[in-house]
PDB file of all heavy atoms in Angstrom:
ATOM      1  N   VAL A   1      -9.034 -57.840  -7.003  1.00  0.00           N
ATOM      2  CA  VAL A   1      -8.168 -56.675  -6.780  1.00  0.00           C
ATOM      3  C   VAL A   1      -8.793 -55.447  -7.446  1.00  0.00           C
ATOM      4  O   VAL A   1      -9.353 -55.570  -8.538  1.00  0.00           O
ATOM      5  CB  VAL A   1      -6.770 -56.937  -7.364  1.00  0.00           C
ATOM      6  CG1 VAL A   1      -5.821 -55.770  -7.069  1.00  0.00           C
ATOM      7  CG2 VAL A   1      -6.187 -58.241  -6.785  1.00  0.00           C
ATOM      8  N   PRO A   2      -8.707 -54.265  -6.830  1.00  0.00           N
ATOM      9  CA  PRO A   2      -9.204 -53.043  -7.498  1.00  0.00           C
ATOM     10  C   PRO A   2      -8.552 -52.861  -8.883  1.00  0.00           C
ATOM     11  O   PRO A   2      -7.353 -52.990  -9.024  1.00  0.00           O
ATOM     12  CB  PRO A   2      -8.782 -51.934  -6.535  1.00  0.00           C
ATOM     13  CG  PRO A   2      -8.737 -52.604  -5.197  1.00  0.00           C
ATOM     14  CD  PRO A   2      -8.238 -54.001  -5.466  1.00  0.00           C
ATOM     15  N   PHE A   3      -9.382 -52.532  -9.854  1.00  0.00           N
ATOM     16  CA  PHE A   3      -8.895 -52.512 -11.224  1.00  0.00           C
ATOM     17  C   PHE A   3      -9.851 -51.710 -12.093  1.00  0.00           C
ATOM     18  O   PHE A   3     -10.915 -52.192 -12.461  1.00  0.00           O
ATOM     19  CB  PHE A   3      -8.794 -53.950 -11.725  1.00  0.00           C
ATOM     20  CG  PHE A   3      -8.131 -54.122 -13.074  1.00  0.00           C
ATOM     21  CD1 PHE A   3      -6.978 -53.438 -13.393  1.00  0.00           C
ATOM     22  CD2 PHE A   3      -8.666 -54.992 -14.010  1.00  0.00           C
ATOM     23  CE1 PHE A   3      -6.364 -53.638 -14.627  1.00  0.00           C
ATOM     24  CE2 PHE A   3      -8.062 -55.207 -15.247  1.00  0.00           C
ATOM     25  CZ  PHE A   3      -6.911 -54.500 -15.559  1.00  0.00           C
ATOM     26  N   ASP A   4      -9.500 -50.454 -12.371  1.00  0.00           N
ATOM     27  CA  ASP A   4     -10.369 -49.569 -13.154  1.00  0.00           C
ATOM     28  C   ASP A   4      -9.838 -49.315 -14.551  1.00  0.00           C
ATOM     29  O   ASP A   4     -10.622 -48.940 -15.433  1.00  0.00           O
ATOM     30  CB  ASP A   4     -10.522 -48.227 -12.438  1.00  0.00           C
ATOM     31  CG  ASP A   4     -11.165 -48.411 -11.059  1.00  0.00           C
ATOM     32  OD1 ASP A   4     -12.302 -48.883 -11.000  1.00  0.00           O
ATOM     33  OD2 ASP A   4     -10.511 -48.066 -10.054  1.00  0.00           O
ATOM     34  N   PHE A   5      -8.541 -49.466 -14.774  1.00  0.00           N
ATOM     35  CA  PHE A   5      -8.006 -49.286 -16.124  1.00  0.00           C
ATOM     36  C   PHE A   5      -6.730 -50.127 -16.260  1.00  0.00           C
ATOM     37  O   PHE A   5      -6.041 -50.399 -15.309  1.00  0.00           O
ATOM     38  CB  PHE A   5      -7.709 -47.818 -16.444  1.00  0.00           C
ATOM     39  CG  PHE A   5      -6.687 -47.155 -15.551  1.00  0.00           C
ATOM     40  CD1 PHE A   5      -5.330 -47.229 -15.847  1.00  0.00           C
ATOM     41  CD2 PHE A   5      -7.080 -46.457 -14.423  1.00  0.00           C
ATOM     42  CE1 PHE A   5      -4.383 -46.619 -15.042  1.00  0.00           C
ATOM     43  CE2 PHE A   5      -6.153 -45.829 -13.621  1.00  0.00           C
ATOM     44  CZ  PHE A   5      -4.798 -45.913 -13.929  1.00  0.00           C
ATOM     45  N   TYR A   6      -6.506 -50.551 -17.497  1.00  0.00           N
ATOM     46  CA  TYR A   6      -5.244 -51.220 -17.827  1.00  0.00           C
ATOM     47  C   TYR A   6      -4.462 -50.271 -18.718  1.00  0.00           C
ATOM     48  O   TYR A   6      -4.976 -49.728 -19.690  1.00  0.00           O
ATOM     49  CB  TYR A   6      -5.503 -52.533 -18.591  1.00  0.00           C
ATOM     50  CG  TYR A   6      -4.204 -53.264 -18.887  1.00  0.00           C
ATOM     51  CD1 TYR A   6      -3.670 -54.140 -17.977  1.00  0.00           C
ATOM     52  CD2 TYR A   6      -3.509 -53.035 -20.067  1.00  0.00           C
ATOM     53  CE1 TYR A   6      -2.467 -54.814 -18.237  1.00  0.00           C
ATOM     54  CE2 TYR A   6      -2.324 -53.684 -20.344  1.00  0.00           C
ATOM     55  CZ  TYR A   6      -1.797 -54.556 -19.408  1.00  0.00           C
ATOM     56  OH  TYR A   6      -0.606 -55.178 -19.664  1.00  0.00           O
ATOM     57  N   SER A   7      -3.181 -50.074 -18.387  1.00  0.00           N
ATOM     58  CA  SER A   7      -2.369 -49.139 -19.160  1.00  0.00           C
ATOM     59  C   SER A   7      -1.184 -49.862 -19.802  1.00  0.00           C
ATOM     60  O   SER A   7      -0.628 -50.791 -19.221  1.00  0.00           O
ATOM     61  CB  SER A   7      -1.879 -47.993 -18.291  1.00  0.00           C
ATOM     62  OG  SER A   7      -0.877 -48.431 -17.397  1.00  0.00           O
ATOM     63  N   TYR A   8      -0.867 -49.406 -20.984  1.00  0.00           N
ATOM     64  CA  TYR A   8       0.309 -49.928 -21.671  1.00  0.00           C
ATOM     65  C   TYR A   8       0.980 -48.822 -22.460  1.00  0.00           C
ATOM     66  O   TYR A   8       0.441 -47.703 -22.591  1.00  0.00           O
ATOM     67  CB  TYR A   8      -0.058 -51.101 -22.577  1.00  0.00           C
ATOM     68  CG  TYR A   8      -1.061 -50.837 -23.679  1.00  0.00           C
ATOM     69  CD1 TYR A   8      -0.663 -50.390 -24.933  1.00  0.00           C
ATOM     70  CD2 TYR A   8      -2.430 -51.074 -23.469  1.00  0.00           C
ATOM     71  CE1 TYR A   8      -1.585 -50.173 -25.945  1.00  0.00           C
ATOM     72  CE2 TYR A   8      -3.350 -50.858 -24.490  1.00  0.00           C
ATOM     73  CZ  TYR A   8      -2.920 -50.404 -25.714  1.00  0.00           C
ATOM     74  OH  TYR A   8      -3.825 -50.179 -26.707  1.00  0.00           O
ATOM     75  N   HIS A   9       2.185 -49.099 -22.925  1.00  0.00           N
ATOM     76  CA  HIS A   9       2.961 -48.134 -23.727  1.00  0.00           C
ATOM     77  C   HIS A   9       3.110 -48.663 -25.136  1.00  0.00           C
ATOM     78  O   HIS A   9       3.082 -49.860 -25.366  1.00  0.00           O
ATOM     79  CB  HIS A   9       4.348 -47.929 -23.110  1.00  0.00           C
ATOM     80  CG  HIS A   9       4.320 -47.362 -21.727  1.00  0.00           C
ATOM     81  ND1 HIS A   9       5.426 -47.309 -20.899  1.00  0.00           N
ATOM     82  CD2 HIS A   9       3.290 -46.810 -21.012  1.00  0.00           C
ATOM     83  CE1 HIS A   9       5.083 -46.746 -19.742  1.00  0.00           C
ATOM     84  NE2 HIS A   9       3.808 -46.454 -19.786  1.00  0.00           N
ATOM     85  N   TYR A  10       3.230 -47.721 -26.075  1.00  0.00           N
ATOM     86  CA  TYR A  10       3.506 -48.174 -27.440  1.00  0.00           C
ATOM     87  C   TYR A  10       4.376 -47.177 -28.197  1.00  0.00           C
ATOM     88  O   TYR A  10       3.981 -46.031 -28.396  1.00  0.00           O
ATOM     89  CB  TYR A  10       2.219 -48.416 -28.224  1.00  0.00           C
ATOM     90  CG  TYR A  10       2.530 -48.910 -29.622  1.00  0.00           C
ATOM     91  CD1 TYR A  10       3.176 -50.134 -29.788  1.00  0.00           C
ATOM     92  CD2 TYR A  10       2.258 -48.141 -30.742  1.00  0.00           C
ATOM     93  CE1 TYR A  10       3.513 -50.592 -31.055  1.00  0.00           C
ATOM     94  CE2 TYR A  10       2.605 -48.595 -32.002  1.00  0.00           C
ATOM     95  CZ  TYR A  10       3.229 -49.819 -32.151  1.00  0.00           C
ATOM     96  OH  TYR A  10       3.587 -50.261 -33.389  1.00  0.00           O
ATOM     97  N   TYR A  11       5.543 -47.633 -28.566  1.00  0.00           N
ATOM     98  CA  TYR A  11       6.415 -46.917 -29.490  1.00  0.00           C
ATOM     99  C   TYR A  11       6.544 -47.793 -30.733  1.00  0.00           C
ATOM    100  O   TYR A  11       6.724 -49.012 -30.633  1.00  0.00           O
ATOM    101  CB  TYR A  11       7.795 -46.683 -28.869  1.00  0.00           C
ATOM    102  CG  TYR A  11       7.753 -45.792 -27.645  1.00  0.00           C
ATOM    103  CD1 TYR A  11       7.598 -46.329 -26.364  1.00  0.00           C
ATOM    104  CD2 TYR A  11       7.851 -44.414 -27.756  1.00  0.00           C
ATOM    105  CE1 TYR A  11       7.558 -45.530 -25.237  1.00  0.00           C
ATOM    106  CE2 TYR A  11       7.807 -43.601 -26.640  1.00  0.00           C
ATOM    107  CZ  TYR A  11       7.659 -44.161 -25.383  1.00  0.00           C
ATOM    108  OH  TYR A  11       7.609 -43.349 -24.284  1.00  0.00           O
ATOM    109  N   ALA A  12       6.512 -47.182 -31.893  1.00  0.00           N
ATOM    110  CA  ALA A  12       6.456 -47.945 -33.153  1.00  0.00           C
ATOM    111  C   ALA A  12       7.847 -48.393 -33.604  1.00  0.00           C
ATOM    112  O   ALA A  12       8.212 -48.258 -34.773  1.00  0.00           O
ATOM    113  CB  ALA A  12       5.779 -47.109 -34.225  1.00  0.00           C
ATOM    114  N   ILE A  13       8.626 -48.944 -32.679  1.00  0.00           N
ATOM    115  CA  ILE A  13      10.033 -49.218 -32.972  1.00  0.00           C
ATOM    116  C   ILE A  13      10.243 -50.465 -33.823  1.00  0.00           C
ATOM    117  O   ILE A  13      11.364 -50.734 -34.261  1.00  0.00           O
ATOM    118  CB  ILE A  13      10.841 -49.351 -31.668  1.00  0.00           C
ATOM    119  CG1 ILE A  13      10.280 -50.449 -30.774  1.00  0.00           C
ATOM    120  CG2 ILE A  13      10.871 -48.018 -30.921  1.00  0.00           C
ATOM    121  CD1 ILE A  13      11.091 -50.702 -29.526  1.00  0.00           C
ATOM    122  N   HIS A  14       9.194 -51.244 -34.077  1.00  0.00           N
ATOM    123  CA  HIS A  14       9.347 -52.417 -34.927  1.00  0.00           C
ATOM    124  C   HIS A  14       8.851 -52.194 -36.336  1.00  0.00           C
ATOM    125  O   HIS A  14       9.478 -52.642 -37.306  1.00  0.00           O
ATOM    126  CB  HIS A  14       8.607 -53.615 -34.309  1.00  0.00           C
ATOM    127  CG  HIS A  14       9.229 -54.123 -33.054  1.00  0.00           C
ATOM    128  ND1 HIS A  14       8.740 -53.832 -31.808  1.00  0.00           N
ATOM    129  CD2 HIS A  14      10.318 -54.916 -32.845  1.00  0.00           C
ATOM    130  CE1 HIS A  14       9.495 -54.404 -30.890  1.00  0.00           C
ATOM    131  NE2 HIS A  14      10.462 -55.071 -31.493  1.00  0.00           N
ATOM    132  N   THR A  15       7.739 -51.513 -36.504  1.00  0.00           N
ATOM    133  CA  THR A  15       7.102 -51.430 -37.804  1.00  0.00           C
ATOM    134  C   THR A  15       6.876 -50.012 -38.318  1.00  0.00           C
ATOM    135  O   THR A  15       6.581 -49.841 -39.498  1.00  0.00           O
ATOM    136  CB  THR A  15       5.728 -52.121 -37.795  1.00  0.00           C
ATOM    137  OG1 THR A  15       4.843 -51.369 -36.953  1.00  0.00           O
ATOM    138  CG2 THR A  15       5.843 -53.549 -37.253  1.00  0.00           C
ATOM    139  N   ALA A  16       6.906 -49.011 -37.430  1.00  0.00           N
ATOM    140  CA  ALA A  16       6.558 -47.613 -37.779  1.00  0.00           C
ATOM    141  C   ALA A  16       5.118 -47.501 -38.275  1.00  0.00           C
ATOM    142  O   ALA A  16       4.767 -46.534 -38.958  1.00  0.00           O
ATOM    143  CB  ALA A  16       7.520 -47.053 -38.831  1.00  0.00           C
ATOM    144  N   ASN A  17       4.275 -48.459 -37.928  1.00  0.00           N
ATOM    145  CA  ASN A  17       2.922 -48.567 -38.495  1.00  0.00           C
ATOM    146  C   ASN A  17       1.876 -48.147 -37.472  1.00  0.00           C
ATOM    147  O   ASN A  17       1.646 -48.876 -36.487  1.00  0.00           O
ATOM    148  CB  ASN A  17       2.673 -49.998 -38.959  1.00  0.00           C
ATOM    149  CG  ASN A  17       1.299 -50.176 -39.577  1.00  0.00           C
ATOM    150  OD1 ASN A  17       0.585 -49.219 -39.829  1.00  0.00           O
ATOM    151  ND2 ASN A  17       0.925 -51.428 -39.823  1.00  0.00           N
ATOM    152  N   PRO A  18       1.190 -47.019 -37.625  1.00  0.00           N
ATOM    153  CA  PRO A  18       0.175 -46.612 -36.654  1.00  0.00           C
ATOM    154  C   PRO A  18      -1.032 -47.549 -36.617  1.00  0.00           C
ATOM    155  O   PRO A  18      -1.758 -47.574 -35.631  1.00  0.00           O
ATOM    156  CB  PRO A  18      -0.226 -45.218 -37.125  1.00  0.00           C
ATOM    157  CG  PRO A  18       0.108 -45.186 -38.572  1.00  0.00           C
ATOM    158  CD  PRO A  18       1.325 -46.024 -38.725  1.00  0.00           C
ATOM    159  N   LYS A  19      -1.243 -48.310 -37.690  1.00  0.00           N
ATOM    160  CA  LYS A  19      -2.387 -49.206 -37.718  1.00  0.00           C
ATOM    161  C   LYS A  19      -2.215 -50.404 -36.791  1.00  0.00           C
ATOM    162  O   LYS A  19      -3.162 -51.143 -36.523  1.00  0.00           O
ATOM    163  CB  LYS A  19      -2.633 -49.683 -39.143  1.00  0.00           C
ATOM    164  CG  LYS A  19      -2.982 -48.557 -40.111  1.00  0.00           C
ATOM    165  CD  LYS A  19      -3.119 -49.062 -41.545  1.00  0.00           C
ATOM    166  CE  LYS A  19      -3.300 -47.907 -42.526  1.00  0.00           C
ATOM    167  NZ  LYS A  19      -3.341 -48.379 -43.933  1.00  0.00           N
ATOM    168  N   ASN A  20      -1.015 -50.626 -36.261  1.00  0.00           N
ATOM    169  CA  ASN A  20      -0.788 -51.705 -35.306  1.00  0.00           C
ATOM    170  C   ASN A  20      -1.653 -51.576 -34.067  1.00  0.00           C
ATOM    171  O   ASN A  20      -1.880 -52.567 -33.347  1.00  0.00           O
ATOM    172  CB  ASN A  20       0.672 -51.771 -34.865  1.00  0.00           C
ATOM    173  CG  ASN A  20       1.616 -52.306 -35.916  1.00  0.00           C
ATOM    174  OD1 ASN A  20       2.761 -51.906 -36.004  1.00  0.00           O
ATOM    175  ND2 ASN A  20       1.138 -53.240 -36.748  1.00  0.00           N
ATOM    176  N   ILE A  21      -2.146 -50.364 -33.796  1.00  0.00           N
ATOM    177  CA  ILE A  21      -2.950 -50.159 -32.593  1.00  0.00           C
ATOM    178  C   ILE A  21      -4.214 -51.020 -32.624  1.00  0.00           C
ATOM    179  O   ILE A  21      -4.728 -51.416 -31.568  1.00  0.00           O
ATOM    180  CB  ILE A  21      -3.289 -48.680 -32.408  1.00  0.00           C
ATOM    181  CG1 ILE A  21      -3.894 -48.433 -31.015  1.00  0.00           C
ATOM    182  CG2 ILE A  21      -4.202 -48.173 -33.504  1.00  0.00           C
ATOM    183  CD1 ILE A  21      -3.013 -48.851 -29.881  1.00  0.00           C
ATOM    184  N   TYR A  22      -4.703 -51.371 -33.813  1.00  0.00           N
ATOM    185  CA  TYR A  22      -5.881 -52.245 -33.881  1.00  0.00           C
ATOM    186  C   TYR A  22      -5.536 -53.637 -33.356  1.00  0.00           C
ATOM    187  O   TYR A  22      -6.307 -54.237 -32.609  1.00  0.00           O
ATOM    188  CB  TYR A  22      -6.404 -52.324 -35.316  1.00  0.00           C
ATOM    189  CG  TYR A  22      -6.995 -51.053 -35.822  1.00  0.00           C
ATOM    190  CD1 TYR A  22      -6.309 -50.248 -36.718  1.00  0.00           C
ATOM    191  CD2 TYR A  22      -8.268 -50.621 -35.418  1.00  0.00           C
ATOM    192  CE1 TYR A  22      -6.844 -49.075 -37.192  1.00  0.00           C
ATOM    193  CE2 TYR A  22      -8.814 -49.446 -35.881  1.00  0.00           C
ATOM    194  CZ  TYR A  22      -8.094 -48.691 -36.764  1.00  0.00           C
ATOM    195  OH  TYR A  22      -8.651 -47.496 -37.236  1.00  0.00           O
ATOM    196  N   GLU A  23      -4.388 -54.160 -33.750  1.00  0.00           N
ATOM    197  CA  GLU A  23      -3.947 -55.486 -33.285  1.00  0.00           C
ATOM    198  C   GLU A  23      -3.744 -55.465 -31.758  1.00  0.00           C
ATOM    199  O   GLU A  23      -4.194 -56.369 -31.048  1.00  0.00           O
ATOM    200  CB  GLU A  23      -2.639 -55.884 -33.937  1.00  0.00           C
ATOM    201  CG  GLU A  23      -2.653 -55.967 -35.450  1.00  0.00           C
ATOM    202  CD  GLU A  23      -1.241 -56.104 -36.004  1.00  0.00           C
ATOM    203  OE1 GLU A  23      -0.675 -57.208 -35.882  1.00  0.00           O
ATOM    204  OE2 GLU A  23      -0.695 -55.104 -36.514  1.00  0.00           O
ATOM    205  N   ILE A  24      -3.049 -54.442 -31.293  1.00  0.00           N
ATOM    206  CA  ILE A  24      -2.715 -54.366 -29.880  1.00  0.00           C
ATOM    207  C   ILE A  24      -3.950 -54.178 -29.018  1.00  0.00           C
ATOM    208  O   ILE A  24      -4.163 -54.914 -28.047  1.00  0.00           O
ATOM    209  CB  ILE A  24      -1.734 -53.197 -29.629  1.00  0.00           C
ATOM    210  CG1 ILE A  24      -0.427 -53.434 -30.399  1.00  0.00           C
ATOM    211  CG2 ILE A  24      -1.463 -53.008 -28.155  1.00  0.00           C
ATOM    212  CD1 ILE A  24       0.479 -52.233 -30.442  1.00  0.00           C
ATOM    213  N   GLN A  25      -4.785 -53.204 -29.380  1.00  0.00           N
ATOM    214  CA  GLN A  25      -5.968 -52.922 -28.587  1.00  0.00           C
ATOM    215  C   GLN A  25      -6.932 -54.099 -28.592  1.00  0.00           C
ATOM    216  O   GLN A  25      -7.572 -54.404 -27.562  1.00  0.00           O
ATOM    217  CB  GLN A  25      -6.647 -51.648 -29.100  1.00  0.00           C
ATOM    218  CG  GLN A  25      -7.906 -51.235 -28.358  1.00  0.00           C
ATOM    219  CD  GLN A  25      -7.683 -50.880 -26.917  1.00  0.00           C
ATOM    220  OE1 GLN A  25      -6.560 -50.668 -26.485  1.00  0.00           O
ATOM    221  NE2 GLN A  25      -8.735 -50.834 -26.138  1.00  0.00           N
ATOM    222  N   ASP A  26      -7.080 -54.757 -29.715  1.00  0.00           N
ATOM    223  CA  ASP A  26      -7.951 -55.929 -29.789  1.00  0.00           C
ATOM    224  C   ASP A  26      -7.466 -57.039 -28.855  1.00  0.00           C
ATOM    225  O   ASP A  26      -8.273 -57.709 -28.196  1.00  0.00           O
ATOM    226  CB  ASP A  26      -8.029 -56.444 -31.224  1.00  0.00           C
ATOM    227  CG  ASP A  26      -8.944 -57.651 -31.357  1.00  0.00           C
ATOM    228  OD1 ASP A  26     -10.166 -57.487 -31.195  1.00  0.00           O
ATOM    229  OD2 ASP A  26      -8.423 -58.768 -31.616  1.00  0.00           O
ATOM    230  N   TYR A  27      -6.148 -57.206 -28.810  1.00  0.00           N
ATOM    231  CA  TYR A  27      -5.575 -58.236 -27.908  1.00  0.00           C
ATOM    232  C   TYR A  27      -5.879 -57.912 -26.449  1.00  0.00           C
ATOM    233  O   TYR A  27      -6.365 -58.761 -25.699  1.00  0.00           O
ATOM    234  CB  TYR A  27      -4.072 -58.331 -28.149  1.00  0.00           C
ATOM    235  CG  TYR A  27      -3.323 -59.166 -27.124  1.00  0.00           C
ATOM    236  CD1 TYR A  27      -3.542 -60.536 -27.043  1.00  0.00           C
ATOM    237  CD2 TYR A  27      -2.425 -58.574 -26.247  1.00  0.00           C
ATOM    238  CE1 TYR A  27      -2.858 -61.311 -26.110  1.00  0.00           C
ATOM    239  CE2 TYR A  27      -1.755 -59.333 -25.314  1.00  0.00           C
ATOM    240  CZ  TYR A  27      -1.949 -60.688 -25.252  1.00  0.00           C
ATOM    241  OH  TYR A  27      -1.295 -61.446 -24.308  1.00  0.00           O
ATOM    242  N   VAL A  28      -5.614 -56.664 -26.040  1.00  0.00           N
ATOM    243  CA  VAL A  28      -5.846 -56.292 -24.642  1.00  0.00           C
ATOM    244  C   VAL A  28      -7.319 -56.306 -24.303  1.00  0.00           C
ATOM    245  O   VAL A  28      -7.744 -56.866 -23.295  1.00  0.00           O
ATOM    246  CB  VAL A  28      -5.255 -54.884 -24.375  1.00  0.00           C
ATOM    247  CG1 VAL A  28      -5.609 -54.417 -22.949  1.00  0.00           C
ATOM    248  CG2 VAL A  28      -3.733 -54.899 -24.548  1.00  0.00           C
ATOM    249  N   ARG A  29      -8.146 -55.737 -25.178  1.00  0.00           N
ATOM    250  CA  ARG A  29      -9.572 -55.661 -24.920  1.00  0.00           C
ATOM    251  C   ARG A  29     -10.201 -57.054 -24.817  1.00  0.00           C
ATOM    252  O   ARG A  29     -11.077 -57.304 -23.952  1.00  0.00           O
ATOM    253  CB  ARG A  29     -10.239 -54.852 -26.026  1.00  0.00           C
ATOM    254  CG  ARG A  29     -11.735 -54.569 -25.864  1.00  0.00           C
ATOM    255  CD  ARG A  29     -11.952 -53.468 -24.853  1.00  0.00           C
ATOM    256  NE  ARG A  29     -12.296 -53.991 -23.531  1.00  0.00           N
ATOM    257  CZ  ARG A  29     -12.314 -53.229 -22.450  1.00  0.00           C
ATOM    258  NH1 ARG A  29     -12.011 -51.946 -22.498  1.00  0.00           N
ATOM    259  NH2 ARG A  29     -12.636 -53.765 -21.276  1.00  0.00           N
ATOM    260  N   SER A  30      -9.765 -57.968 -25.674  1.00  0.00           N
ATOM    261  CA  SER A  30     -10.337 -59.318 -25.641  1.00  0.00           C
ATOM    262  C   SER A  30     -10.016 -60.027 -24.332  1.00  0.00           C
ATOM    263  O   SER A  30     -10.850 -60.773 -23.807  1.00  0.00           O
ATOM    264  CB  SER A  30      -9.809 -60.140 -26.820  1.00  0.00           C
ATOM    265  OG  SER A  30      -8.413 -60.375 -26.709  1.00  0.00           O
ATOM    266  N   ARG A  31      -8.831 -59.770 -23.771  1.00  0.00           N
ATOM    267  CA  ARG A  31      -8.468 -60.408 -22.487  1.00  0.00           C
ATOM    268  C   ARG A  31      -9.270 -59.794 -21.337  1.00  0.00           C
ATOM    269  O   ARG A  31      -9.668 -60.501 -20.415  1.00  0.00           O
ATOM    270  CB  ARG A  31      -6.967 -60.251 -22.228  1.00  0.00           C
ATOM    271  CG  ARG A  31      -6.105 -61.372 -22.778  1.00  0.00           C
ATOM    272  CD  ARG A  31      -6.355 -61.641 -24.226  1.00  0.00           C
ATOM    273  NE  ARG A  31      -5.548 -62.730 -24.783  1.00  0.00           N
ATOM    274  CZ  ARG A  31      -5.597 -63.095 -26.053  1.00  0.00           C
ATOM    275  NH1 ARG A  31      -6.423 -62.482 -26.887  1.00  0.00           N
ATOM    276  NH2 ARG A  31      -4.838 -64.076 -26.498  1.00  0.00           N
ATOM    277  N   LEU A  32      -9.471 -58.504 -21.387  1.00  0.00           N
ATOM    278  CA  LEU A  32     -10.280 -57.872 -20.351  1.00  0.00           C
ATOM    279  C   LEU A  32     -11.721 -58.382 -20.389  1.00  0.00           C
ATOM    280  O   LEU A  32     -12.305 -58.726 -19.360  1.00  0.00           O
ATOM    281  CB  LEU A  32     -10.250 -56.348 -20.534  1.00  0.00           C
ATOM    282  CG  LEU A  32      -8.938 -55.634 -20.235  1.00  0.00           C
ATOM    283  CD1 LEU A  32      -8.986 -54.196 -20.701  1.00  0.00           C
ATOM    284  CD2 LEU A  32      -8.606 -55.707 -18.759  1.00  0.00           C
ATOM    285  N   ASP A  33     -12.289 -58.411 -21.590  1.00  0.00           N
ATOM    286  CA  ASP A  33     -13.673 -58.874 -21.728  1.00  0.00           C
ATOM    287  C   ASP A  33     -13.831 -60.329 -21.344  1.00  0.00           C
ATOM    288  O   ASP A  33     -14.850 -60.723 -20.755  1.00  0.00           O
ATOM    289  CB  ASP A  33     -14.142 -58.663 -23.174  1.00  0.00           C
ATOM    290  CG  ASP A  33     -14.255 -57.196 -23.559  1.00  0.00           C
ATOM    291  OD1 ASP A  33     -14.190 -56.344 -22.649  1.00  0.00           O
ATOM    292  OD2 ASP A  33     -14.402 -56.901 -24.740  1.00  0.00           O
ATOM    293  N   LYS A  34     -12.837 -61.140 -21.639  1.00  0.00           N
ATOM    294  CA  LYS A  34     -12.868 -62.569 -21.304  1.00  0.00           C
ATOM    295  C   LYS A  34     -13.088 -62.779 -19.809  1.00  0.00           C
ATOM    296  O   LYS A  34     -13.771 -63.726 -19.393  1.00  0.00           O
ATOM    297  CB  LYS A  34     -11.570 -63.231 -21.750  1.00  0.00           C
ATOM    298  CG  LYS A  34     -11.402 -64.671 -21.313  1.00  0.00           C
ATOM    299  CD  LYS A  34     -10.038 -65.201 -21.718  1.00  0.00           C
ATOM    300  CE  LYS A  34      -9.800 -66.615 -21.178  1.00  0.00           C
ATOM    301  NZ  LYS A  34      -8.439 -67.113 -21.551  1.00  0.00           N
ATOM    302  N   HIS A  35     -12.508 -61.902 -19.000  1.00  0.00           N
ATOM    303  CA  HIS A  35     -12.612 -62.035 -17.544  1.00  0.00           C
ATOM    304  C   HIS A  35     -13.682 -61.143 -16.945  1.00  0.00           C
ATOM    305  O   HIS A  35     -13.697 -60.927 -15.716  1.00  0.00           O
ATOM    306  CB  HIS A  35     -11.256 -61.745 -16.908  1.00  0.00           C
ATOM    307  CG  HIS A  35     -10.204 -62.780 -17.238  1.00  0.00           C
ATOM    308  ND1 HIS A  35     -10.183 -64.042 -16.662  1.00  0.00           N
ATOM    309  CD2 HIS A  35      -9.147 -62.743 -18.094  1.00  0.00           C
ATOM    310  CE1 HIS A  35      -9.160 -64.712 -17.127  1.00  0.00           C
ATOM    311  NE2 HIS A  35      -8.524 -63.978 -18.009  1.00  0.00           N
ATOM    312  N   GLY A  36     -14.556 -60.613 -17.775  1.00  0.00           N
ATOM    313  CA  GLY A  36     -15.683 -59.837 -17.262  1.00  0.00           C
ATOM    314  C   GLY A  36     -15.357 -58.391 -16.973  1.00  0.00           C
ATOM    315  O   GLY A  36     -16.106 -57.722 -16.231  1.00  0.00           O
ATOM    316  N   PHE A  37     -14.274 -57.863 -17.508  1.00  0.00           N
ATOM    317  CA  PHE A  37     -13.872 -56.487 -17.238  1.00  0.00           C
ATOM    318  C   PHE A  37     -14.256 -55.553 -18.392  1.00  0.00           C
ATOM    319  O   PHE A  37     -13.461 -54.753 -18.856  1.00  0.00           O
ATOM    320  CB  PHE A  37     -12.363 -56.419 -17.006  1.00  0.00           C
ATOM    321  CG  PHE A  37     -11.909 -57.018 -15.704  1.00  0.00           C
ATOM    322  CD1 PHE A  37     -10.934 -58.006 -15.687  1.00  0.00           C
ATOM    323  CD2 PHE A  37     -12.457 -56.625 -14.494  1.00  0.00           C
ATOM    324  CE1 PHE A  37     -10.502 -58.566 -14.500  1.00  0.00           C
ATOM    325  CE2 PHE A  37     -12.042 -57.176 -13.273  1.00  0.00           C
ATOM    326  CZ  PHE A  37     -11.059 -58.146 -13.282  1.00  0.00           C
TER     327      PHE A  37
END
C-alpha cells in the first residue's frame, strides 16, 4: 500500500513529561524499520 509517512498525536495527559517523545518515537521508528520502511 502507498505509505510515505506515519502520523500520530501526542498530548502529555498522563505524565506531563516532554521526554516521553523518545520512548514513543523509538517504538514507532523501530516498527517501521522492522518492515523495511
